[in-house]
C-alpha atoms as a PDB file:
ATOM      1  CA  UNK A   1      -0.119  -0.166  -0.001  1.00  0.00           C
ATOM      2  CA  UNK A   2       1.235   3.478  -0.868  1.00  0.00           C
ATOM      3  CA  UNK A   3       2.150   6.136   1.655  1.00  0.00           C
ATOM      4  CA  UNK A   4      -0.972   8.401   0.199  1.00  0.00           C
ATOM      5  CA  UNK A   5      -3.054   5.300   0.318  1.00  0.00           C
ATOM      6  CA  UNK A   6      -2.456   4.593   4.002  1.00  0.00           C
ATOM      7  CA  UNK A   7      -3.107   8.111   4.784  1.00  0.00           C
ATOM      8  CA  UNK A   8      -6.166   8.325   2.878  1.00  0.00           C
ATOM      9  CA  UNK A   9      -7.623   4.919   3.904  1.00  0.00           C
ATOM     10  CA  UNK A  10      -6.876   5.459   7.813  1.00  0.00           C
ATOM     11  CA  UNK A  11      -8.840   9.124   7.348  1.00  0.00           C
ATOM     12  CA  UNK A  12     -11.849   7.279   5.507  1.00  0.00           C
ATOM     13  CA  UNK A  13     -11.969   4.798   8.305  1.00  0.00           C
ATOM     14  CA  UNK A  14     -12.381   7.253  10.831  1.00  0.00           C
ATOM     15  CA  UNK A  15     -15.156   8.795   9.179  1.00  0.00           C
ATOM     16  CA  UNK A  16     -16.959   5.420   8.283  1.00  0.00           C
ATOM     17  CA  UNK A  17     -17.130   5.146  12.201  1.00  0.00           C
ATOM     18  CA  UNK A  18     -19.147   8.561  12.341  1.00  0.00           C
ATOM     19  CA  UNK A  19     -21.397   8.328   9.162  1.00  0.00           C
ATOM     20  CA  UNK A  20     -22.229   6.807   5.909  1.00  0.00           C
ATOM     21  CA  UNK A  21     -21.890   7.222   2.997  1.00  0.00           C
ATOM     22  CA  UNK A  22     -18.593   9.457   3.288  1.00  0.00           C
ATOM     23  CA  UNK A  23     -17.970  11.726   0.344  1.00  0.00           C
ATOM     24  CA  UNK A  24     -14.330  12.248  -0.252  1.00  0.00           C
ATOM     25  CA  UNK A  25     -13.192  14.822  -3.115  1.00  0.00           C
ATOM     26  CA  UNK A  26      -9.378  14.351  -4.634  1.00  0.00           C
ATOM     27  CA  UNK A  27      -8.717  17.686  -6.427  1.00  0.00           C
ATOM     28  CA  UNK A  28      -5.057  18.719  -7.215  1.00  0.00           C
ATOM     29  CA  UNK A  29      -2.708  19.052 -10.263  1.00  0.00           C
ATOM     30  CA  UNK A  30      -2.853  17.561 -13.656  1.00  0.00           C
ATOM     31  CA  UNK A  31      -0.747  14.078 -13.595  1.00  0.00           C
ATOM     32  CA  UNK A  32      -0.541  14.069  -9.665  1.00  0.00           C
ATOM     33  CA  UNK A  33      -2.342  10.788  -9.552  1.00  0.00           C
ATOM     34  CA  UNK A  34      -5.752  11.468  -8.601  1.00  0.00           C
ATOM     35  CA  UNK A  35      -7.120   8.722 -10.668  1.00  0.00           C
ATOM     36  CA  UNK A  36      -4.705   6.174  -9.181  1.00  0.00           C
ATOM     37  CA  UNK A  37      -5.010   7.082  -5.741  1.00  0.00           C
ATOM     38  CA  UNK A  38      -9.015   6.577  -6.239  1.00  0.00           C
ATOM     39  CA  UNK A  39      -8.466   3.214  -7.650  1.00  0.00           C
ATOM     40  CA  UNK A  40      -6.210   2.058  -5.083  1.00  0.00           C
ATOM     41  CA  UNK A  41      -8.518   3.219  -2.185  1.00  0.00           C
ATOM     42  CA  UNK A  42     -11.351   1.971  -3.858  1.00  0.00           C
ATOM     43  CA  UNK A  43      -9.908  -1.754  -3.276  1.00  0.00           C
ATOM     44  CA  UNK A  44     -10.271  -1.443   0.572  1.00  0.00           C
ATOM     45  CA  UNK A  45     -14.021  -0.327   1.133  1.00  0.00           C
ATOM     46  CA  UNK A  46     -17.380  -0.283  -0.902  1.00  0.00           C
ATOM     47  CA  UNK A  47     -16.701   2.815  -3.050  1.00  0.00           C
ATOM     48  CA  UNK A  48     -18.203   4.585  -6.132  1.00  0.00           C
ATOM     49  CA  UNK A  49     -15.772   6.682  -7.820  1.00  0.00           C
ATOM     50  CA  UNK A  50     -16.904   9.597  -9.928  1.00  0.00           C
ATOM     51  CA  UNK A  51     -14.678  11.733 -12.678  1.00  0.00           C
ATOM     52  CA  UNK A  52     -14.784  15.210 -12.789  1.00  0.00           C
ATOM     53  CA  UNK A  53     -13.586  14.749 -16.172  1.00  0.00           C
ATOM     54  CA  UNK A  54     -17.101  13.513 -17.106  1.00  0.00           C
ATOM     55  CA  UNK A  55     -18.567  16.835 -16.354  1.00  0.00           C
ATOM     56  CA  UNK A  56     -16.942  19.391 -18.720  1.00  0.00           C
ATOM     57  CA  UNK A  57     -18.631  21.910 -20.207  1.00  0.00           C
ATOM     58  CA  UNK A  58     -20.725  21.317 -23.529  1.00  0.00           C
ATOM     59  CA  UNK A  59     -19.709  23.821 -26.455  1.00  0.00           C
ATOM     60  CA  UNK A  60     -22.785  25.815 -25.629  1.00  0.00           C
ATOM     61  CA  UNK A  61     -21.914  26.326 -22.249  1.00  0.00           C
ATOM     62  CA  UNK A  62     -18.569  27.485 -23.061  1.00  0.00           C
ATOM     63  CA  UNK A  63     -19.452  31.321 -22.773  1.00  0.00           C
ATOM     64  CA  UNK A  64     -16.742  33.734 -22.494  1.00  0.00           C
ATOM     65  CA  UNK A  65     -17.896  34.780 -18.879  1.00  0.00           C
ATOM     66  CA  UNK A  66     -18.242  31.223 -17.954  1.00  0.00           C
ATOM     67  CA  UNK A  67     -14.632  30.407 -19.380  1.00  0.00           C
ATOM     68  CA  UNK A  68     -13.121  33.734 -17.446  1.00  0.00           C
ATOM     69  CA  UNK A  69     -14.096  32.039 -13.998  1.00  0.00           C
ATOM     70  CA  UNK A  70     -11.508  30.326 -12.179  1.00  0.00           C
ATOM     71  CA  UNK A  71     -12.746  26.838 -12.531  1.00  0.00           C
ATOM     72  CA  UNK A  72     -15.380  27.738 -15.095  1.00  0.00           C
ATOM     73  CA  UNK A  73     -14.903  24.948 -17.467  1.00  0.00           C
ATOM     74  CA  UNK A  74     -16.359  22.425 -14.946  1.00  0.00           C
ATOM     75  CA  UNK A  75     -19.974  21.816 -15.316  1.00  0.00           C
ATOM     76  CA  UNK A  76     -20.376  22.357 -11.671  1.00  0.00           C
ATOM     77  CA  UNK A  77     -24.087  22.841 -11.477  1.00  0.00           C
ATOM     78  CA  UNK A  78     -25.076  19.442 -13.521  1.00  0.00           C
ATOM     79  CA  UNK A  79     -22.458  17.704 -11.405  1.00  0.00           C
ATOM     80  CA  UNK A  80     -24.127  19.058  -8.136  1.00  0.00           C
ATOM     81  CA  UNK A  81     -27.566  17.991  -9.469  1.00  0.00           C
ATOM     82  CA  UNK A  82     -26.701  14.742 -11.069  1.00  0.00           C
ATOM     83  CA  UNK A  83     -23.991  13.405  -8.590  1.00  0.00           C
ATOM     84  CA  UNK A  84     -23.528  15.163  -4.936  1.00  0.00           C
ATOM     85  CA  UNK A  85     -27.098  15.671  -4.171  1.00  0.00           C
ATOM     86  CA  UNK A  86     -28.482  12.160  -4.885  1.00  0.00           C
ATOM     87  CA  UNK A  87     -25.241  10.509  -3.524  1.00  0.00           C
ATOM     88  CA  UNK A  88     -26.281  11.516  -0.028  1.00  0.00           C
ATOM     89  CA  UNK A  89     -29.845  10.234   0.005  1.00  0.00           C
ATOM     90  CA  UNK A  90     -30.009   7.367  -2.866  1.00  0.00           C
ATOM     91  CA  UNK A  91     -28.805   4.182  -3.524  1.00  0.00           C
ATOM     92  CA  UNK A  92     -28.865   4.488  -7.165  1.00  0.00           C
ATOM     93  CA  UNK A  93     -27.445   7.342  -9.273  1.00  0.00           C
ATOM     94  CA  UNK A  94     -28.110   7.944 -12.977  1.00  0.00           C
ATOM     95  CA  UNK A  95     -25.882  10.360 -14.946  1.00  0.00           C
ATOM     96  CA  UNK A  96     -24.670  11.115 -18.503  1.00  0.00           C
ATOM     97  CA  UNK A  97     -20.698  11.372 -18.570  1.00  0.00           C
ATOM     98  CA  UNK A  98     -19.288  13.975 -20.902  1.00  0.00           C
ATOM     99  CA  UNK A  99     -17.681  12.635 -24.438  1.00  0.00           C
ATOM    100  CA  UNK A 100     -14.393  14.073 -24.972  1.00  0.00           C
ATOM    101  CA  UNK A 101     -14.694  13.028 -28.604  1.00  0.00           C
ATOM    102  CA  UNK A 102     -17.914  14.546 -29.533  1.00  0.00           C
ATOM    103  CA  UNK A 103     -18.080  17.375 -27.035  1.00  0.00           C
ATOM    104  CA  UNK A 104     -21.648  15.985 -25.933  1.00  0.00           C
ATOM    105  CA  UNK A 105     -22.980  13.717 -23.581  1.00  0.00           C
ATOM    106  CA  UNK A 106     -22.853   9.962 -23.708  1.00  0.00           C
ATOM    107  CA  UNK A 107     -25.903   7.780 -23.038  1.00  0.00           C
ATOM    108  CA  UNK A 108     -27.149   7.835 -19.047  1.00  0.00           C
ATOM    109  CA  UNK A 109     -25.270   5.370 -17.129  1.00  0.00           C
ATOM    110  CA  UNK A 110     -26.688   3.939 -13.515  1.00  0.00           C
ATOM    111  CA  UNK A 111     -24.302   3.619 -10.487  1.00  0.00           C
ATOM    112  CA  UNK A 112     -25.045   1.973  -7.378  1.00  0.00           C
ATOM    113  CA  UNK A 113     -23.691   4.072  -4.121  1.00  0.00           C
ATOM    114  CA  UNK A 114     -21.379   2.495  -1.996  1.00  0.00           C
ATOM    115  CA  UNK A 115     -20.471   3.460   1.827  1.00  0.00           C
ATOM    116  CA  UNK A 116     -17.715   5.695   0.247  1.00  0.00           C
ATOM    117  CA  UNK A 117     -17.884   7.967  -2.702  1.00  0.00           C
ATOM    118  CA  UNK A 118     -14.792   9.437  -4.056  1.00  0.00           C
ATOM    119  CA  UNK A 119     -15.013  12.242  -6.522  1.00  0.00           C
ATOM    120  CA  UNK A 120     -11.587  12.671  -8.315  1.00  0.00           C
ATOM    121  CA  UNK A 121     -10.384  15.255 -10.557  1.00  0.00           C
ATOM    122  CA  UNK A 122      -9.288  18.990 -10.856  1.00  0.00           C
ATOM    123  CA  UNK A 123     -12.209  21.224 -10.088  1.00  0.00           C
ATOM    124  CA  UNK A 124     -14.288  18.955  -7.874  1.00  0.00           C
ATOM    125  CA  UNK A 125     -13.671  20.897  -4.789  1.00  0.00           C
ATOM    126  CA  UNK A 126     -14.910  24.077  -5.812  1.00  0.00           C
ATOM    127  CA  UNK A 127     -16.171  26.505  -3.229  1.00  0.00           C
ATOM    128  CA  UNK A 128     -19.753  26.089  -4.739  1.00  0.00           C
ATOM    129  CA  UNK A 129     -19.292  22.381  -4.136  1.00  0.00           C
ATOM    130  CA  UNK A 130     -17.207  22.269  -0.878  1.00  0.00           C
ATOM    131  CA  UNK A 131     -20.161  21.795   1.637  1.00  0.00           C
ATOM    132  CA  UNK A 132     -21.101  18.122   0.230  1.00  0.00           C
ATOM    133  CA  UNK A 133     -17.620  16.652   1.097  1.00  0.00           C
ATOM    134  CA  UNK A 134     -16.732  15.068   4.476  1.00  0.00           C
ATOM    135  CA  UNK A 135     -13.197  15.160   3.480  1.00  0.00           C
ATOM    136  CA  UNK A 136     -11.078  17.358   0.794  1.00  0.00           C
ATOM    137  CA  UNK A 137      -7.870  16.138  -0.374  1.00  0.00           C
ATOM    138  CA  UNK A 138      -5.290  17.839  -2.552  1.00  0.00           C
ATOM    139  CA  UNK A 139      -2.844  15.971  -4.629  1.00  0.00           C
ATOM    140  CA  UNK A 140       0.229  17.902  -5.391  1.00  0.00           C
ATOM    141  CA  UNK A 141       3.035  16.875  -7.840  1.00  0.00           C
ATOM    142  CA  UNK A 142       6.384  18.314  -8.317  1.00  0.00           C
ATOM    143  CA  UNK A 143       6.278  20.299 -11.773  1.00  0.00           C
ATOM    144  CA  UNK A 144       9.235  18.180 -13.465  1.00  0.00           C
ATOM    145  CA  UNK A 145       7.265  14.861 -12.586  1.00  0.00           C
ATOM    146  CA  UNK A 146       4.167  16.210 -13.786  1.00  0.00           C
ATOM    147  CA  UNK A 147       5.716  17.150 -17.369  1.00  0.00           C
ATOM    148  CA  UNK A 148       7.037  13.752 -17.625  1.00  0.00           C
ATOM    149  CA  UNK A 149       4.000  12.029 -16.704  1.00  0.00           C
ATOM    150  CA  UNK A 150       2.028  14.107 -19.155  1.00  0.00           C
ATOM    151  CA  UNK A 151       4.325  13.539 -21.801  1.00  0.00           C
ATOM    152  CA  UNK A 152       4.204   9.869 -21.383  1.00  0.00           C
ATOM    153  CA  UNK A 153       0.773   9.777 -21.107  1.00  0.00           C
ATOM    154  CA  UNK A 154      -0.590  12.168 -23.655  1.00  0.00           C
ATOM    155  CA  UNK A 155       2.448  12.177 -26.392  1.00  0.00           C
ATOM    156  CA  UNK A 156       2.121  14.767 -28.842  1.00  0.00           C
ATOM    157  CA  UNK A 157      -1.236  16.179 -27.048  1.00  0.00           C
ATOM    158  CA  UNK A 158       1.130  16.992 -24.096  1.00  0.00           C
ATOM    159  CA  UNK A 159       1.425  20.758 -25.379  1.00  0.00           C
ATOM    160  CA  UNK A 160      -2.099  21.367 -25.072  1.00  0.00           C
ATOM    161  CA  UNK A 161      -1.879  20.474 -21.285  1.00  0.00           C
ATOM    162  CA  UNK A 162       1.148  22.581 -20.567  1.00  0.00           C
ATOM    163  CA  UNK A 163      -0.310  25.397 -22.722  1.00  0.00           C
ATOM    164  CA  UNK A 164      -3.803  25.573 -21.874  1.00  0.00           C
ATOM    165  CA  UNK A 165      -5.095  23.180 -19.131  1.00  0.00           C
ATOM    166  CA  UNK A 166      -2.387  23.493 -16.471  1.00  0.00           C
ATOM    167  CA  UNK A 167      -2.501  27.460 -16.416  1.00  0.00           C
ATOM    168  CA  UNK A 168      -6.261  27.168 -15.906  1.00  0.00           C
ATOM    169  CA  UNK A 169      -5.837  24.798 -13.263  1.00  0.00           C
ATOM    170  CA  UNK A 170      -3.036  26.743 -11.514  1.00  0.00           C
ATOM    171  CA  UNK A 171      -5.313  29.624 -11.568  1.00  0.00           C
ATOM    172  CA  UNK A 172      -8.069  28.130  -9.774  1.00  0.00           C
ATOM    173  CA  UNK A 173      -5.976  26.467  -7.279  1.00  0.00           C
ATOM    174  CA  UNK A 174      -4.490  29.921  -6.719  1.00  0.00           C
ATOM    175  CA  UNK A 175      -7.761  31.939  -6.579  1.00  0.00           C
ATOM    176  CA  UNK A 176      -9.535  29.243  -4.584  1.00  0.00           C
ATOM    177  CA  UNK A 177      -6.573  28.911  -2.424  1.00  0.00           C
ATOM    178  CA  UNK A 178      -7.467  25.124  -2.327  1.00  0.00           C
ATOM    179  CA  UNK A 179      -4.077  23.552  -1.344  1.00  0.00           C
ATOM    180  CA  UNK A 180      -4.460  25.479   1.919  1.00  0.00           C
ATOM    181  CA  UNK A 181      -8.138  24.753   2.507  1.00  0.00           C
ATOM    182  CA  UNK A 182      -8.011  21.035   1.987  1.00  0.00           C
ATOM    183  CA  UNK A 183      -7.737  19.037   5.252  1.00  0.00           C
ATOM    184  CA  UNK A 184      -5.276  16.380   3.809  1.00  0.00           C
ATOM    185  CA  UNK A 185      -2.537  17.431   1.456  1.00  0.00           C
ATOM    186  CA  UNK A 186      -0.638  14.693  -0.117  1.00  0.00           C
ATOM    187  CA  UNK A 187       2.397  14.313  -2.307  1.00  0.00           C
ATOM    188  CA  UNK A 188       1.415  12.528  -5.708  1.00  0.00           C
ATOM    189  CA  UNK A 189       5.105  12.024  -6.040  1.00  0.00           C
ATOM    190  CA  UNK A 190       5.697   9.485  -3.340  1.00  0.00           C
ATOM    191  CA  UNK A 191       4.775   6.042  -4.093  1.00  0.00           C
END
């Protein structure tokens, strides 16, 4: 078990003694290991994992005003309505994931809610959504390691991350002071 997995698992166990379901938001820098950490922790509990990438804005929502907001390229309203609100009170959730190929929504999927709900991805701990989580996690990564992971993972599309997505994320993290506000701050470079 990794260092980060041990820390997060212990904190989730503590929270499960108080309530269920426990909602955990894992936000943080691109290529810091958010998806990997969520998947690893899911092996220890009855976990449902949702990905913030399934809630990007559709083209008609991408107005200059919205894109000018820090964290504005995430459809937090749909995410709140389709995932966060029902996660606290329903056993089964139905939602439509965003399709990065068509920039539309895929067919609806139904997901059973476990004792732990982990939402992973940049923008998931936006201040407008903060109140829904029982635990906020910020996953950091050294800039050199981030670049190397993005290049390995995305090949020729890596430049888009360096020139567009990472600056948008950094603007969001800084404006919202997200790293400082999260209860857990973990280093995604530690394995």
